[in-house]
Amino acid sequence: MPSVQNTAAGRLEGKVVIVTGGASGIGASAAALFWEHGALLVVADIQDDLGVALVSKLGERATYVHCDVSNEDDVAKLVEKTVAEHGKLDVMFSNAGVIDRPFGSIMEATKADMDRVVGVNLYGAFFAAKHAARAMVPRKSGCILFTASSCTAIAGFSSHPYTASKCAMVGMAKSLAAELGQHGIRVNCISPHAVSGTRIATGSEGLPVPIPEMTAADLAEMGNLKGQVLEAESIARSALFLASDDAHYVSGLNLVVDGGISVANPCMMMALKSHMHKR
């Protein structure tokens, strides 16, 4: 793992950053990249073994805190501990999230599905923003960033509870950007498309259950931007931009990282090609 002294520039040099859901997937990639760029990093997750292993690998400037983001007391204590140790909070990356199932009819969805997904995805983001704002408002600066989803821009790619939670998150981010902008605080979303190995489902007891990975070939076939496959590191780089001062005047944005699939109409193109082939 390269140190920040060996990088061209520490874009988060001296900034105190919390990453929820930071022990694996997009969160772990973002946490490592933020650390490389000089952040004083706090990784929060319920996957304790993975979280401890990550911060041990990173070394100095990285700590791990157990935090269930669906529990407001956990989130409040996470922020309080961070501020007590570092004296401030500059960036809250609310990344923790789950999905009930990859797909499913509304006729199959249950209240339990909705409760689990909304409890982590939406309530977790709400609690993160609330307690981060309490730390940031007195200092008149800060950045709050949420991991949403490309399902906020195009329909049919995920379950209804998951889609509802992520679309609500984007709406909340815009509302927060309007309020907290008065205190110099930026609020944005980053919305990834399918990333291999990052989707986590919740089982009947609310415990995380990995959904089988899609291969790079599967993702390439699904994608609009041919010759490219979306990796967790790509989302981490986008998150770094939004978290850093490079995006100092960017707020209220939902940055959709999907290779343009949300603006394409593959069904129409396939129909046109079929029509032309018949002529």
C-alpha atoms as a PDB file:
ATOM      1  CA  MET A   1       0.000   0.000   0.000  1.00  0.00           C
ATOM      2  CA  PRO A   2       1.745   3.260  -1.094  1.00  0.00           C
ATOM      3  CA  SER A   3       2.037   6.045   1.463  1.00  0.00           C
ATOM      4  CA  VAL A   4       0.728   9.517   0.763  1.00  0.00           C
ATOM      5  CA  GLN A   5       4.303  10.817   0.758  1.00  0.00           C
ATOM      6  CA  ASN A   6       4.867   8.797  -2.418  1.00  0.00           C
ATOM      7  CA  THR A   7       1.809  10.134  -4.245  1.00  0.00           C
ATOM      8  CA  ALA A   8       1.769  13.190  -6.472  1.00  0.00           C
ATOM      9  CA  ALA A   9      -0.656  15.048  -4.210  1.00  0.00           C
ATOM     10  CA  GLY A  10      -2.595  14.387  -1.015  1.00  0.00           C
ATOM     11  CA  ARG A  11      -6.051  15.608  -2.043  1.00  0.00           C
ATOM     12  CA  LEU A  12      -7.419  14.901   1.441  1.00  0.00           C
ATOM     13  CA  GLU A  13      -4.290  15.857   3.346  1.00  0.00           C
ATOM     14  CA  GLY A  14      -5.146  16.470   6.990  1.00  0.00           C
ATOM     15  CA  LYS A  15      -8.888  15.927   6.516  1.00  0.00           C
ATOM     16  CA  VAL A  16     -10.808  13.711   8.932  1.00  0.00           C
ATOM     17  CA  VAL A  17     -12.921  11.232   6.988  1.00  0.00           C
ATOM     18  CA  ILE A  18     -15.483   8.609   8.042  1.00  0.00           C
ATOM     19  CA  VAL A  19     -16.412   5.829   5.605  1.00  0.00           C
ATOM     20  CA  THR A  20     -19.395   3.711   6.631  1.00  0.00           C
ATOM     21  CA  GLY A  21     -19.592   0.274   5.087  1.00  0.00           C
ATOM     22  CA  GLY A  22     -15.853   0.723   4.720  1.00  0.00           C
ATOM     23  CA  ALA A  23     -14.680  -2.821   5.367  1.00  0.00           C
ATOM     24  CA  SER A  24     -15.392  -4.280   1.918  1.00  0.00           C
ATOM     25  CA  GLY A  25     -16.342  -3.490  -1.674  1.00  0.00           C
ATOM     26  CA  ILE A  26     -16.640   0.141  -2.733  1.00  0.00           C
ATOM     27  CA  GLY A  27     -16.188   1.303   0.851  1.00  0.00           C
ATOM     28  CA  ALA A  28     -12.873  -0.476   1.292  1.00  0.00           C
ATOM     29  CA  SER A  29     -11.573   0.802  -2.052  1.00  0.00           C
ATOM     30  CA  ALA A  30     -12.591   4.350  -1.159  1.00  0.00           C
ATOM     31  CA  ALA A  31     -11.130   4.083   2.333  1.00  0.00           C
ATOM     32  CA  ALA A  32      -7.755   2.923   0.979  1.00  0.00           C
ATOM     33  CA  LEU A  33      -7.698   5.665  -1.666  1.00  0.00           C
ATOM     34  CA  PHE A  34      -8.709   8.354   0.836  1.00  0.00           C
ATOM     35  CA  TRP A  35      -5.926   7.160   3.133  1.00  0.00           C
ATOM     36  CA  GLU A  36      -3.400   7.284   0.287  1.00  0.00           C
ATOM     37  CA  HIS A  37      -4.389  10.920  -0.221  1.00  0.00           C
ATOM     38  CA  GLY A  38      -3.607  11.916   3.339  1.00  0.00           C
ATOM     39  CA  ALA A  39      -6.921  11.437   5.146  1.00  0.00           C
ATOM     40  CA  LEU A  40      -7.196  10.751   8.859  1.00  0.00           C
ATOM     41  CA  LEU A  41      -9.457   7.774   8.250  1.00  0.00           C
ATOM     42  CA  VAL A  42     -12.178   6.148  10.327  1.00  0.00           C
ATOM     43  CA  VAL A  43     -13.596   2.941   8.837  1.00  0.00           C
ATOM     44  CA  ALA A  44     -17.028   1.995  10.210  1.00  0.00           C
ATOM     45  CA  ASP A  45     -18.767  -1.322   9.571  1.00  0.00           C
ATOM     46  CA  ILE A  46     -20.345  -4.375  11.206  1.00  0.00           C
ATOM     47  CA  GLN A  47     -17.838  -6.690   9.494  1.00  0.00           C
ATOM     48  CA  ASP A  48     -15.297  -6.425  12.283  1.00  0.00           C
ATOM     49  CA  ASP A  49     -12.700  -8.902  11.014  1.00  0.00           C
ATOM     50  CA  LEU A  50     -12.544  -7.252   7.601  1.00  0.00           C
ATOM     51  CA  GLY A  51     -12.486  -3.749   9.087  1.00  0.00           C
ATOM     52  CA  VAL A  52      -9.678  -4.523  11.513  1.00  0.00           C
ATOM     53  CA  ALA A  53      -7.676  -6.228   8.762  1.00  0.00           C
ATOM     54  CA  LEU A  54      -8.056  -3.209   6.478  1.00  0.00           C
ATOM     55  CA  VAL A  55      -6.903  -0.599   8.975  1.00  0.00           C
ATOM     56  CA  SER A  56      -4.050  -2.878  10.085  1.00  0.00           C
ATOM     57  CA  LYS A  57      -2.901  -3.048   6.486  1.00  0.00           C
ATOM     58  CA  LEU A  58      -3.136   0.734   6.082  1.00  0.00           C
ATOM     59  CA  GLY A  59      -1.405   1.479   9.385  1.00  0.00           C
ATOM     60  CA  GLU A  60      -1.136   4.945  10.864  1.00  0.00           C
ATOM     61  CA  ARG A  61      -3.968   7.452  10.292  1.00  0.00           C
ATOM     62  CA  ALA A  62      -6.550   4.640  10.038  1.00  0.00           C
ATOM     63  CA  THR A  63      -8.847   3.335  12.773  1.00  0.00           C
ATOM     64  CA  TYR A  64     -11.829   0.989  12.835  1.00  0.00           C
ATOM     65  CA  VAL A  65     -15.109   1.454  14.707  1.00  0.00           C
ATOM     66  CA  HIS A  66     -17.932  -1.089  14.866  1.00  0.00           C
ATOM     67  CA  CYS A  67     -21.103   0.665  13.715  1.00  0.00           C
ATOM     68  CA  ASP A  68     -24.536  -0.548  12.680  1.00  0.00           C
ATOM     69  CA  VAL A  69     -25.774   2.418  10.655  1.00  0.00           C
ATOM     70  CA  SER A  70     -29.415   1.433  11.167  1.00  0.00           C
ATOM     71  CA  ASN A  71     -28.898   2.175  14.887  1.00  0.00           C
ATOM     72  CA  GLU A  72     -28.810   5.928  15.524  1.00  0.00           C
ATOM     73  CA  ASP A  73     -26.938   5.510  18.809  1.00  0.00           C
ATOM     74  CA  ASP A  74     -24.127   3.695  16.959  1.00  0.00           C
ATOM     75  CA  VAL A  75     -23.858   6.492  14.397  1.00  0.00           C
ATOM     76  CA  ALA A  76     -23.937   9.212  17.055  1.00  0.00           C
ATOM     77  CA  LYS A  77     -21.166   7.472  19.007  1.00  0.00           C
ATOM     78  CA  LEU A  78     -19.145   7.012  15.802  1.00  0.00           C
ATOM     79  CA  VAL A  79     -19.168  10.753  15.108  1.00  0.00           C
ATOM     80  CA  GLU A  80     -18.581  11.672  18.758  1.00  0.00           C
ATOM     81  CA  LYS A  81     -15.583   9.337  18.987  1.00  0.00           C
ATOM     82  CA  THR A  82     -14.140  10.682  15.737  1.00  0.00           C
ATOM     83  CA  VAL A  83     -14.444  14.312  16.819  1.00  0.00           C
ATOM     84  CA  ALA A  84     -13.087  13.526  20.295  1.00  0.00           C
ATOM     85  CA  GLU A  85     -10.015  11.884  18.771  1.00  0.00           C
ATOM     86  CA  HIS A  86      -9.361  14.230  15.847  1.00  0.00           C
ATOM     87  CA  GLY A  87     -11.091  17.468  16.864  1.00  0.00           C
ATOM     88  CA  LYS A  88     -13.250  17.728  13.748  1.00  0.00           C
ATOM     89  CA  LEU A  89     -15.041  15.901  10.933  1.00  0.00           C
ATOM     90  CA  ASP A  90     -14.429  17.008   7.344  1.00  0.00           C
ATOM     91  CA  VAL A  91     -15.988  14.233   5.253  1.00  0.00           C
ATOM     92  CA  MET A  92     -18.779  11.771   5.970  1.00  0.00           C
ATOM     93  CA  PHE A  93     -18.966   9.125   3.236  1.00  0.00           C
ATOM     94  CA  SER A  94     -22.219   7.299   3.987  1.00  0.00           C
ATOM     95  CA  ASN A  95     -21.622   4.208   1.913  1.00  0.00           C
ATOM     96  CA  ALA A  96     -23.104   1.322   3.930  1.00  0.00           C
ATOM     97  CA  GLY A  97     -25.884  -0.419   2.072  1.00  0.00           C
ATOM     98  CA  VAL A  98     -27.704  -3.700   1.495  1.00  0.00           C
ATOM     99  CA  ILE A  99     -30.111  -5.148  -1.050  1.00  0.00           C
ATOM    100  CA  ASP A 100     -32.905  -7.594  -0.354  1.00  0.00           C
ATOM    101  CA  ARG A 101     -32.477  -9.516  -3.632  1.00  0.00           C
ATOM    102  CA  PRO A 102     -31.093  -8.745  -7.117  1.00  0.00           C
ATOM    103  CA  PHE A 103     -34.548  -8.616  -8.731  1.00  0.00           C
ATOM    104  CA  GLY A 104     -38.118  -9.427  -7.814  1.00  0.00           C
ATOM    105  CA  SER A 105     -41.748  -8.677  -8.518  1.00  0.00           C
ATOM    106  CA  ILE A 106     -43.673  -6.276  -6.312  1.00  0.00           C
ATOM    107  CA  MET A 107     -45.973  -9.238  -5.682  1.00  0.00           C
ATOM    108  CA  GLU A 108     -43.093 -11.071  -4.009  1.00  0.00           C
ATOM    109  CA  ALA A 109     -41.781  -8.160  -1.937  1.00  0.00           C
ATOM    110  CA  THR A 110     -42.460  -8.174   1.783  1.00  0.00           C
ATOM    111  CA  LYS A 111     -42.607  -5.577   4.526  1.00  0.00           C
ATOM    112  CA  ALA A 112     -39.592  -7.293   6.085  1.00  0.00           C
ATOM    113  CA  ASP A 113     -37.646  -6.683   2.854  1.00  0.00           C
ATOM    114  CA  MET A 114     -38.581  -3.018   2.911  1.00  0.00           C
ATOM    115  CA  ASP A 115     -37.801  -2.619   6.600  1.00  0.00           C
ATOM    116  CA  ARG A 116     -34.311  -4.146   6.289  1.00  0.00           C
ATOM    117  CA  VAL A 117     -33.313  -2.263   3.145  1.00  0.00           C
ATOM    118  CA  VAL A 118     -34.723   1.113   4.157  1.00  0.00           C
ATOM    119  CA  GLY A 119     -33.361   0.653   7.673  1.00  0.00           C
ATOM    120  CA  VAL A 120     -29.777   0.401   6.440  1.00  0.00           C
ATOM    121  CA  ASN A 121     -29.784   2.381   3.197  1.00  0.00           C
ATOM    122  CA  LEU A 122     -32.062   5.314   3.961  1.00  0.00           C
ATOM    123  CA  TYR A 123     -32.122   5.533   7.758  1.00  0.00           C
ATOM    124  CA  GLY A 124     -28.380   4.902   7.795  1.00  0.00           C
ATOM    125  CA  ALA A 125     -27.808   7.808   5.414  1.00  0.00           C
ATOM    126  CA  PHE A 126     -30.208   9.988   7.408  1.00  0.00           C
ATOM    127  CA  PHE A 127     -28.429   9.268  10.713  1.00  0.00           C
ATOM    128  CA  ALA A 128     -25.009   9.806   9.114  1.00  0.00           C
ATOM    129  CA  ALA A 129     -26.050  13.190   7.709  1.00  0.00           C
ATOM    130  CA  LYS A 130     -27.737  14.295  10.939  1.00  0.00           C
ATOM    131  CA  HIS A 131     -24.768  13.620  13.197  1.00  0.00           C
ATOM    132  CA  ALA A 132     -22.164  14.723  10.651  1.00  0.00           C
ATOM    133  CA  ALA A 133     -24.006  18.023  10.277  1.00  0.00           C
ATOM    134  CA  ARG A 134     -23.924  18.560  14.037  1.00  0.00           C
ATOM    135  CA  ALA A 135     -20.138  18.309  13.879  1.00  0.00           C
ATOM    136  CA  MET A 136     -19.739  20.344  10.677  1.00  0.00           C
ATOM    137  CA  VAL A 137     -22.157  23.262  11.102  1.00  0.00           C
ATOM    138  CA  PRO A 138     -20.175  24.996  13.887  1.00  0.00           C
ATOM    139  CA  ARG A 139     -17.064  24.905  11.657  1.00  0.00           C
ATOM    140  CA  LYS A 140     -18.985  26.149   8.581  1.00  0.00           C
ATOM    141  CA  SER A 141     -17.440  23.528   6.338  1.00  0.00           C
ATOM    142  CA  GLY A 142     -17.648  19.864   5.437  1.00  0.00           C
ATOM    143  CA  CYS A 143     -18.720  17.302   2.868  1.00  0.00           C
ATOM    144  CA  ILE A 144     -21.408  14.630   3.115  1.00  0.00           C
ATOM    145  CA  LEU A 145     -21.421  11.989   0.391  1.00  0.00           C
ATOM    146  CA  PHE A 146     -23.887   9.132  -0.119  1.00  0.00           C
ATOM    147  CA  THR A 147     -23.564   5.981  -2.208  1.00  0.00           C
ATOM    148  CA  ALA A 148     -26.836   5.751  -4.149  1.00  0.00           C
ATOM    149  CA  SER A 149     -27.288   3.679  -7.326  1.00  0.00           C
ATOM    150  CA  SER A 150     -27.813   3.899 -11.068  1.00  0.00           C
ATOM    151  CA  CYS A 151     -31.357   2.707 -10.336  1.00  0.00           C
ATOM    152  CA  THR A 152     -32.017   6.356  -9.455  1.00  0.00           C
ATOM    153  CA  ALA A 153     -31.552   7.176 -13.146  1.00  0.00           C
ATOM    154  CA  ILE A 154     -32.923   4.131 -14.961  1.00  0.00           C
ATOM    155  CA  ALA A 155     -35.586   1.613 -13.962  1.00  0.00           C
ATOM    156  CA  GLY A 156     -35.621  -2.162 -13.961  1.00  0.00           C
ATOM    157  CA  PHE A 157     -32.168  -2.958 -12.571  1.00  0.00           C
ATOM    158  CA  SER A 158     -32.989  -3.769  -8.955  1.00  0.00           C
ATOM    159  CA  SER A 159     -35.676  -4.729  -6.482  1.00  0.00           C
ATOM    160  CA  HIS A 160     -38.412  -2.278  -5.530  1.00  0.00           C
ATOM    161  CA  PRO A 161     -37.359  -1.843  -1.873  1.00  0.00           C
ATOM    162  CA  TYR A 162     -33.769  -1.146  -2.955  1.00  0.00           C
ATOM    163  CA  THR A 163     -34.870   1.302  -5.654  1.00  0.00           C
ATOM    164  CA  ALA A 164     -37.177   3.091  -3.228  1.00  0.00           C
ATOM    165  CA  SER A 165     -34.387   3.471  -0.659  1.00  0.00           C
ATOM    166  CA  LYS A 166     -31.869   4.848  -3.163  1.00  0.00           C
ATOM    167  CA  CYS A 167     -34.281   7.250  -4.892  1.00  0.00           C
ATOM    168  CA  ALA A 168     -35.315   8.590  -1.489  1.00  0.00           C
ATOM    169  CA  MET A 169     -31.637   9.028  -0.640  1.00  0.00           C
ATOM    170  CA  VAL A 170     -31.091  11.248  -3.695  1.00  0.00           C
ATOM    171  CA  GLY A 171     -34.093  13.366  -2.765  1.00  0.00           C
ATOM    172  CA  MET A 172     -32.805  13.717   0.782  1.00  0.00           C
ATOM    173  CA  ALA A 173     -29.351  14.706  -0.471  1.00  0.00           C
ATOM    174  CA  LYS A 174     -30.812  17.535  -2.546  1.00  0.00           C
ATOM    175  CA  SER A 175     -32.853  18.742   0.425  1.00  0.00           C
ATOM    176  CA  LEU A 176     -29.770  18.609   2.645  1.00  0.00           C
ATOM    177  CA  ALA A 177     -27.686  20.469   0.060  1.00  0.00           C
ATOM    178  CA  ALA A 178     -30.211  23.323   0.181  1.00  0.00           C
ATOM    179  CA  GLU A 179     -30.163  23.547   3.973  1.00  0.00           C
ATOM    180  CA  LEU A 180     -26.525  22.829   4.726  1.00  0.00           C
ATOM    181  CA  GLY A 181     -25.201  24.973   1.896  1.00  0.00           C
ATOM    182  CA  GLN A 182     -26.021  27.897   4.163  1.00  0.00           C
ATOM    183  CA  HIS A 183     -23.287  26.576   6.457  1.00  0.00           C
ATOM    184  CA  GLY A 184     -20.699  25.913   3.752  1.00  0.00           C
ATOM    185  CA  ILE A 185     -21.374  22.153   3.725  1.00  0.00           C
ATOM    186  CA  ARG A 186     -21.596  20.240   0.439  1.00  0.00           C
ATOM    187  CA  VAL A 187     -23.893  17.218   0.006  1.00  0.00           C
ATOM    188  CA  ASN A 188     -23.718  14.888  -3.004  1.00  0.00           C
ATOM    189  CA  CYS A 189     -24.540  11.364  -4.177  1.00  0.00           C
ATOM    190  CA  ILE A 190     -22.505   8.980  -6.255  1.00  0.00           C
ATOM    191  CA  SER A 191     -24.587   6.391  -8.129  1.00  0.00           C
ATOM    192  CA  PRO A 192     -22.679   3.348  -9.395  1.00  0.00           C
ATOM    193  CA  HIS A 193     -23.953   0.862 -11.932  1.00  0.00           C
ATOM    194  CA  ALA A 194     -23.217  -2.853 -11.431  1.00  0.00           C
ATOM    195  CA  VAL A 195     -19.829  -3.380  -9.762  1.00  0.00           C
ATOM    196  CA  SER A 196     -18.527  -6.921  -9.422  1.00  0.00           C
ATOM    197  CA  GLY A 197     -18.565  -8.339  -5.912  1.00  0.00           C
ATOM    198  CA  THR A 198     -20.049  -5.335  -4.092  1.00  0.00           C
ATOM    199  CA  ARG A 199     -23.739  -6.197  -3.739  1.00  0.00           C
ATOM    200  CA  ILE A 200     -24.766  -7.500  -0.316  1.00  0.00           C
ATOM    201  CA  ALA A 201     -28.146  -8.960   0.504  1.00  0.00           C
ATOM    202  CA  THR A 202     -29.703  -9.256   3.947  1.00  0.00           C
ATOM    203  CA  GLY A 203     -30.856 -12.634   5.180  1.00  0.00           C
ATOM    204  CA  SER A 204     -33.903 -13.368   7.300  1.00  0.00           C
ATOM    205  CA  GLU A 205     -32.085 -12.234  10.452  1.00  0.00           C
ATOM    206  CA  GLY A 206     -30.641  -9.110   8.870  1.00  0.00           C
ATOM    207  CA  LEU A 207     -27.146 -10.540   8.513  1.00  0.00           C
ATOM    208  CA  PRO A 208     -25.137  -9.713   5.353  1.00  0.00           C
ATOM    209  CA  VAL A 209     -25.178 -12.341   2.613  1.00  0.00           C
ATOM    210  CA  PRO A 210     -23.026 -11.779  -0.536  1.00  0.00           C
ATOM    211  CA  ILE A 211     -24.858 -12.078  -3.836  1.00  0.00           C
ATOM    212  CA  PRO A 212     -22.928 -14.222  -6.358  1.00  0.00           C
ATOM    213  CA  GLU A 213     -20.512 -12.139  -8.362  1.00  0.00           C
ATOM    214  CA  MET A 214     -20.952 -11.357 -12.022  1.00  0.00           C
ATOM    215  CA  THR A 215     -17.859 -11.896 -14.122  1.00  0.00           C
ATOM    216  CA  ALA A 216     -16.112  -9.108 -15.988  1.00  0.00           C
ATOM    217  CA  ALA A 217     -17.444 -10.645 -19.204  1.00  0.00           C
ATOM    218  CA  ASP A 218     -21.012 -10.505 -17.841  1.00  0.00           C
ATOM    219  CA  LEU A 219     -20.637  -6.858 -16.887  1.00  0.00           C
ATOM    220  CA  ALA A 220     -19.055  -5.976 -20.237  1.00  0.00           C
ATOM    221  CA  GLU A 221     -21.949  -7.597 -22.076  1.00  0.00           C
ATOM    222  CA  MET A 222     -24.485  -5.677 -19.963  1.00  0.00           C
ATOM    223  CA  GLY A 223     -22.722  -2.329 -20.278  1.00  0.00           C
ATOM    224  CA  ASN A 224     -23.147   0.464 -22.770  1.00  0.00           C
ATOM    225  CA  LEU A 225     -19.515   1.620 -22.737  1.00  0.00           C
ATOM    226  CA  LYS A 226     -17.779  -1.227 -24.528  1.00  0.00           C
ATOM    227  CA  GLY A 227     -14.216  -2.134 -23.714  1.00  0.00           C
ATOM    228  CA  GLN A 228     -14.624  -0.942 -20.112  1.00  0.00           C
ATOM    229  CA  VAL A 229     -15.754  -2.688 -16.938  1.00  0.00           C
ATOM    230  CA  LEU A 230     -16.793  -0.785 -13.829  1.00  0.00           C
ATOM    231  CA  GLU A 231     -14.614  -1.663 -10.831  1.00  0.00           C
ATOM    232  CA  ALA A 232     -14.876  -0.595  -7.201  1.00  0.00           C
ATOM    233  CA  GLU A 233     -11.694   1.454  -7.676  1.00  0.00           C
ATOM    234  CA  SER A 234     -13.453   3.526 -10.346  1.00  0.00           C
ATOM    235  CA  ILE A 235     -16.183   4.482  -7.892  1.00  0.00           C
ATOM    236  CA  ALA A 236     -13.533   5.235  -5.277  1.00  0.00           C
ATOM    237  CA  ARG A 237     -11.848   7.711  -7.623  1.00  0.00           C
ATOM    238  CA  SER A 238     -15.161   9.440  -8.296  1.00  0.00           C
ATOM    239  CA  ALA A 239     -15.822   9.577  -4.557  1.00  0.00           C
ATOM    240  CA  LEU A 240     -12.362  11.073  -4.007  1.00  0.00           C
ATOM    241  CA  PHE A 241     -13.188  13.886  -6.423  1.00  0.00           C
ATOM    242  CA  LEU A 242     -16.480  14.682  -4.686  1.00  0.00           C
ATOM    243  CA  ALA A 243     -14.901  14.495  -1.225  1.00  0.00           C
ATOM    244  CA  SER A 244     -11.920  16.696  -2.114  1.00  0.00           C
ATOM    245  CA  ASP A 245     -11.560  20.430  -2.586  1.00  0.00           C
ATOM    246  CA  ASP A 246     -11.465  19.795  -6.341  1.00  0.00           C
ATOM    247  CA  ALA A 247     -15.265  19.690  -6.036  1.00  0.00           C
ATOM    248  CA  HIS A 248     -15.434  22.727  -3.734  1.00  0.00           C
ATOM    249  CA  TYR A 249     -18.456  24.207  -5.563  1.00  0.00           C
ATOM    250  CA  VAL A 250     -20.259  20.940  -6.354  1.00  0.00           C
ATOM    251  CA  SER A 251     -23.322  20.309  -4.198  1.00  0.00           C
ATOM    252  CA  GLY A 252     -26.727  18.708  -4.745  1.00  0.00           C
ATOM    253  CA  LEU A 253     -25.298  16.451  -7.475  1.00  0.00           C
ATOM    254  CA  ASN A 254     -26.175  12.826  -8.175  1.00  0.00           C
ATOM    255  CA  LEU A 255     -23.088  11.651 -10.061  1.00  0.00           C
ATOM    256  CA  VAL A 256     -24.214   8.608 -12.042  1.00  0.00           C
ATOM    257  CA  VAL A 257     -21.256   6.371 -12.915  1.00  0.00           C
ATOM    258  CA  ASP A 258     -22.801   3.953 -15.390  1.00  0.00           C
ATOM    259  CA  GLY A 259     -20.942   4.266 -18.692  1.00  0.00           C
ATOM    260  CA  GLY A 260     -23.914   6.106 -20.202  1.00  0.00           C
ATOM    261  CA  ILE A 261     -26.394   3.240 -19.962  1.00  0.00           C
ATOM    262  CA  SER A 262     -29.017   5.469 -18.336  1.00  0.00           C
ATOM    263  CA  VAL A 263     -29.058   7.723 -21.412  1.00  0.00           C
ATOM    264  CA  ALA A 264     -29.032   4.880 -23.954  1.00  0.00           C
ATOM    265  CA  ASN A 265     -31.981   2.944 -25.357  1.00  0.00           C
ATOM    266  CA  PRO A 266     -30.617  -0.512 -26.183  1.00  0.00           C
ATOM    267  CA  CYS A 267     -34.082  -1.905 -26.951  1.00  0.00           C
ATOM    268  CA  MET A 268     -34.607   0.664 -29.670  1.00  0.00           C
ATOM    269  CA  MET A 269     -31.146   0.066 -31.132  1.00  0.00           C
ATOM    270  CA  MET A 270     -31.700  -3.701 -31.220  1.00  0.00           C
ATOM    271  CA  ALA A 271     -35.070  -3.200 -32.926  1.00  0.00           C
ATOM    272  CA  LEU A 272     -33.537  -0.849 -35.515  1.00  0.00           C
ATOM    273  CA  LYS A 273     -30.688  -3.266 -36.259  1.00  0.00           C
ATOM    274  CA  SER A 274     -33.161  -6.120 -36.637  1.00  0.00           C
ATOM    275  CA  HIS A 275     -35.319  -4.026 -38.965  1.00  0.00           C
ATOM    276  CA  MET A 276     -32.347  -2.978 -41.114  1.00  0.00           C
ATOM    277  CA  HIS A 277     -31.115  -6.590 -41.284  1.00  0.00           C
ATOM    278  CA  LYS A 278     -34.497  -7.725 -42.669  1.00  0.00           C
ATOM    279  CA  ARG A 279     -34.511  -5.123 -45.432  1.00  0.00           C
END
